[in-house]
Structures are given as C-alpha cells and as structure tokens.
C-alpha cells in the first residue's frame, strides 16, 4: 500500500524547491552557490521520491487499481523515464555556479523547461493518481 501522506509531502517539498529555483531565475543576478545547493537538494529529494513511487505507487496501481490503474501505471512509467533522463541531463549540465554563470540564458531556458515539467507531473499525480489510490484504500 503506497504511503500517500509521504508521497504528498514529498510532492510539496519538490514543488517548493521548484519555486525557489524559479525565484532565482527571475533575479537579474542569481546566486550561483544557492542555486547549486537547491539543485543538489532537488536531485536527492527527487531520487528518493522516485524510489518510493517505484517500490510502492506503481506496483499498487498495476496490481490493485484495475485496468485504469494498469494503463495509468504504464503511462506514468513511460513519461517518467523520459522526464528522469531529461532531469539527469539537466543536472549534469548545470552542476556548477561557473557553468550557470557562463550561460545564464541557457540555464534559465533549461531550468524553465525542467521545472515546468516537474510541476506538471506533480499536479497530474495529485489530480489523477492519488484520488484513484484513495478510492481503492477507502
């Protein structure tokens, strides 16, 4: 049984990190050290969250949520595989304040794309996945 309380809490933490990174992007001179710390925290929290989804959420959808749950699980897995790869490439590319400062416009563009994709994914799970699980648990 997936721990929805923990998953929702992790979603909130990830969304808050995305907002804090976005706030730095909006500054004329973002703080490189702070951004790198935020990106590092994002990487760790996202990795932990995805591990929890892989071990609890997806198996539950596949085994206990009927045909809709199985279709949703397959769709989420495919989507997350692409997003995970994009996030990994993003984090590899923008790993230092020097790299960020060297191409601030490129960093802003890449960050906006990744952050928007992560927030959309969080919102999708909150609106479609969690209610399905809550109905099966209740």
Protein backbone atom coordinates (compact mmCIF):
# COMPACT_ATOMS: atom_id res chain seq x y z
CA UNK A 1 0.00 0.00 0.00
CA UNK A 2 1.61 3.31 -1.04
CA UNK A 3 2.15 5.89 1.69
CA UNK A 4 0.10 8.74 0.21
CA UNK A 5 0.83 11.07 3.11
CA UNK A 6 4.56 10.73 2.47
CA UNK A 7 4.17 10.98 -1.31
CA UNK A 8 2.10 14.16 -0.95
CA UNK A 9 4.63 15.62 1.48
CA UNK A 10 7.44 14.87 -0.96
CA UNK A 11 5.45 16.47 -3.77
CA UNK A 12 5.11 19.61 -1.68
CA UNK A 13 8.85 19.67 -0.97
CA UNK A 14 9.66 19.20 -4.66
CA UNK A 15 7.19 21.91 -5.72
CA UNK A 16 8.67 24.28 -3.13
CA UNK A 17 12.18 23.60 -4.45
CA UNK A 18 11.00 24.30 -7.99
CA UNK A 19 9.54 27.63 -6.82
CA UNK A 20 12.76 28.57 -5.03
CA UNK A 21 14.83 27.78 -8.12
CA UNK A 22 12.37 29.71 -10.29
CA UNK A 23 12.66 32.69 -7.95
CA UNK A 24 16.42 32.69 -8.54
CA UNK A 25 15.88 32.60 -12.29
CA UNK A 26 13.81 35.75 -12.03
CA UNK A 27 16.68 37.71 -10.45
CA UNK A 28 18.99 39.78 -12.63
CA UNK A 29 21.96 38.20 -10.80
CA UNK A 30 21.03 34.77 -9.44
CA UNK A 31 23.11 33.40 -6.57
CA UNK A 32 25.12 30.56 -8.11
CA UNK A 33 26.08 28.87 -4.84
CA UNK A 34 22.48 28.92 -3.65
CA UNK A 35 21.18 27.58 -6.96
CA UNK A 36 23.70 24.73 -6.88
CA UNK A 37 22.61 23.87 -3.34
CA UNK A 38 18.97 23.89 -4.45
CA UNK A 39 19.76 21.70 -7.45
CA UNK A 40 21.63 19.25 -5.25
CA UNK A 41 18.70 19.09 -2.84
CA UNK A 42 16.29 18.66 -5.75
CA UNK A 43 18.35 15.76 -7.11
CA UNK A 44 18.38 13.94 -3.77
CA UNK A 45 14.71 14.52 -2.97
CA UNK A 46 13.62 13.57 -6.47
CA UNK A 47 15.70 10.38 -6.38
CA UNK A 48 14.15 9.41 -3.03
CA UNK A 49 10.66 10.22 -4.28
CA UNK A 50 11.06 8.21 -7.47
CA UNK A 51 12.34 5.24 -5.48
CA UNK A 52 9.22 5.41 -3.30
CA UNK A 53 7.00 5.57 -6.37
CA UNK A 54 8.82 2.65 -7.97
CA UNK A 55 8.54 0.48 -4.86
CA UNK A 56 5.02 1.36 -3.74
CA UNK A 57 2.93 3.50 -6.02
CA UNK A 58 3.44 1.82 -9.39
CA UNK A 59 3.13 -1.76 -8.12
CA UNK A 60 -0.09 -0.81 -6.32
CA UNK A 61 -1.55 0.75 -9.46
CA UNK A 62 -0.61 -2.29 -11.51
CA UNK A 63 -1.94 -4.87 -9.06
CA UNK A 64 -4.87 -3.24 -7.27
CA UNK A 65 -6.33 -0.39 -9.31
CA UNK A 66 -7.91 -2.36 -12.14
CA UNK A 67 -7.49 -1.73 -15.87
CA UNK A 68 -7.44 2.04 -15.41
CA UNK A 69 -4.69 1.73 -12.82
CA UNK A 70 -2.63 -0.54 -15.05
CA UNK A 71 -2.94 1.84 -18.02
CA UNK A 72 -2.08 4.76 -15.77
CA UNK A 73 0.92 2.94 -14.33
CA UNK A 74 2.26 2.15 -17.80
CA UNK A 75 1.74 5.73 -18.95
CA UNK A 76 3.37 7.16 -15.83
CA UNK A 77 6.36 4.84 -16.16
CA UNK A 78 6.93 5.83 -19.79
CA UNK A 79 6.52 9.52 -19.06
CA UNK A 80 8.78 9.37 -16.01
CA UNK A 81 11.51 7.53 -17.90
CA UNK A 82 11.72 10.45 -20.33
CA UNK A 83 11.48 13.07 -17.61
CA UNK A 84 14.04 11.31 -15.43
CA UNK A 85 16.51 11.27 -18.33
CA UNK A 86 15.88 14.96 -19.02
CA UNK A 87 16.38 15.86 -15.36
CA UNK A 88 19.60 13.84 -15.16
CA UNK A 89 20.98 15.56 -18.26
CA UNK A 90 19.93 18.95 -16.89
CA UNK A 91 21.62 18.31 -13.53
CA UNK A 92 24.77 17.03 -15.26
CA UNK A 93 24.94 20.09 -17.49
CA UNK A 94 24.29 22.71 -14.79
CA UNK A 95 26.36 21.25 -11.96
CA UNK A 96 28.42 24.33 -11.07
CA UNK A 97 27.96 28.03 -10.49
CA UNK A 98 30.63 28.68 -13.11
CA UNK A 99 28.69 26.74 -15.72
CA UNK A 100 25.49 28.59 -14.80
CA UNK A 101 27.19 31.98 -14.90
CA UNK A 102 28.82 31.11 -18.22
CA UNK A 103 25.47 30.64 -19.92
CA UNK A 104 22.82 32.22 -17.74
CA UNK A 105 20.28 32.48 -20.56
CA UNK A 106 20.75 28.81 -21.43
CA UNK A 107 20.41 27.87 -17.76
CA UNK A 108 17.22 29.89 -17.45
CA UNK A 109 15.74 28.27 -20.52
CA UNK A 110 16.69 24.73 -19.49
CA UNK A 111 15.50 25.32 -15.94
CA UNK A 112 12.15 26.68 -17.01
CA UNK A 113 11.54 23.61 -19.17
CA UNK A 114 12.55 21.13 -16.44
CA UNK A 115 10.78 22.92 -13.59
CA UNK A 116 7.56 23.23 -15.57
CA UNK A 117 7.70 19.54 -16.48
CA UNK A 118 8.23 18.53 -12.85
CA UNK A 119 5.39 20.74 -11.61
CA UNK A 120 3.05 19.39 -14.32
CA UNK A 121 3.92 15.84 -13.27
CA UNK A 122 3.26 16.64 -9.60
CA UNK A 123 -0.08 18.22 -10.46
CA UNK A 124 -1.04 15.27 -12.68
CA UNK A 125 -0.35 12.77 -9.92
CA UNK A 126 -2.27 14.88 -7.40
CA UNK A 127 -5.31 15.16 -9.64
CA UNK A 128 -5.43 11.71 -11.23
CA UNK A 129 -3.25 9.19 -9.42
CA UNK A 130 -3.78 9.98 -5.74
CA UNK A 131 -7.60 10.08 -5.96
CA UNK A 132 -7.58 6.67 -7.67
CA UNK A 133 -5.49 5.22 -4.86
CA UNK A 134 -7.58 6.92 -2.17
CA UNK A 135 -10.70 5.34 -3.67
CA UNK A 136 -9.06 1.91 -3.58
CA UNK A 137 -7.82 2.36 0.00
CA UNK A 138 -11.11 3.73 1.33
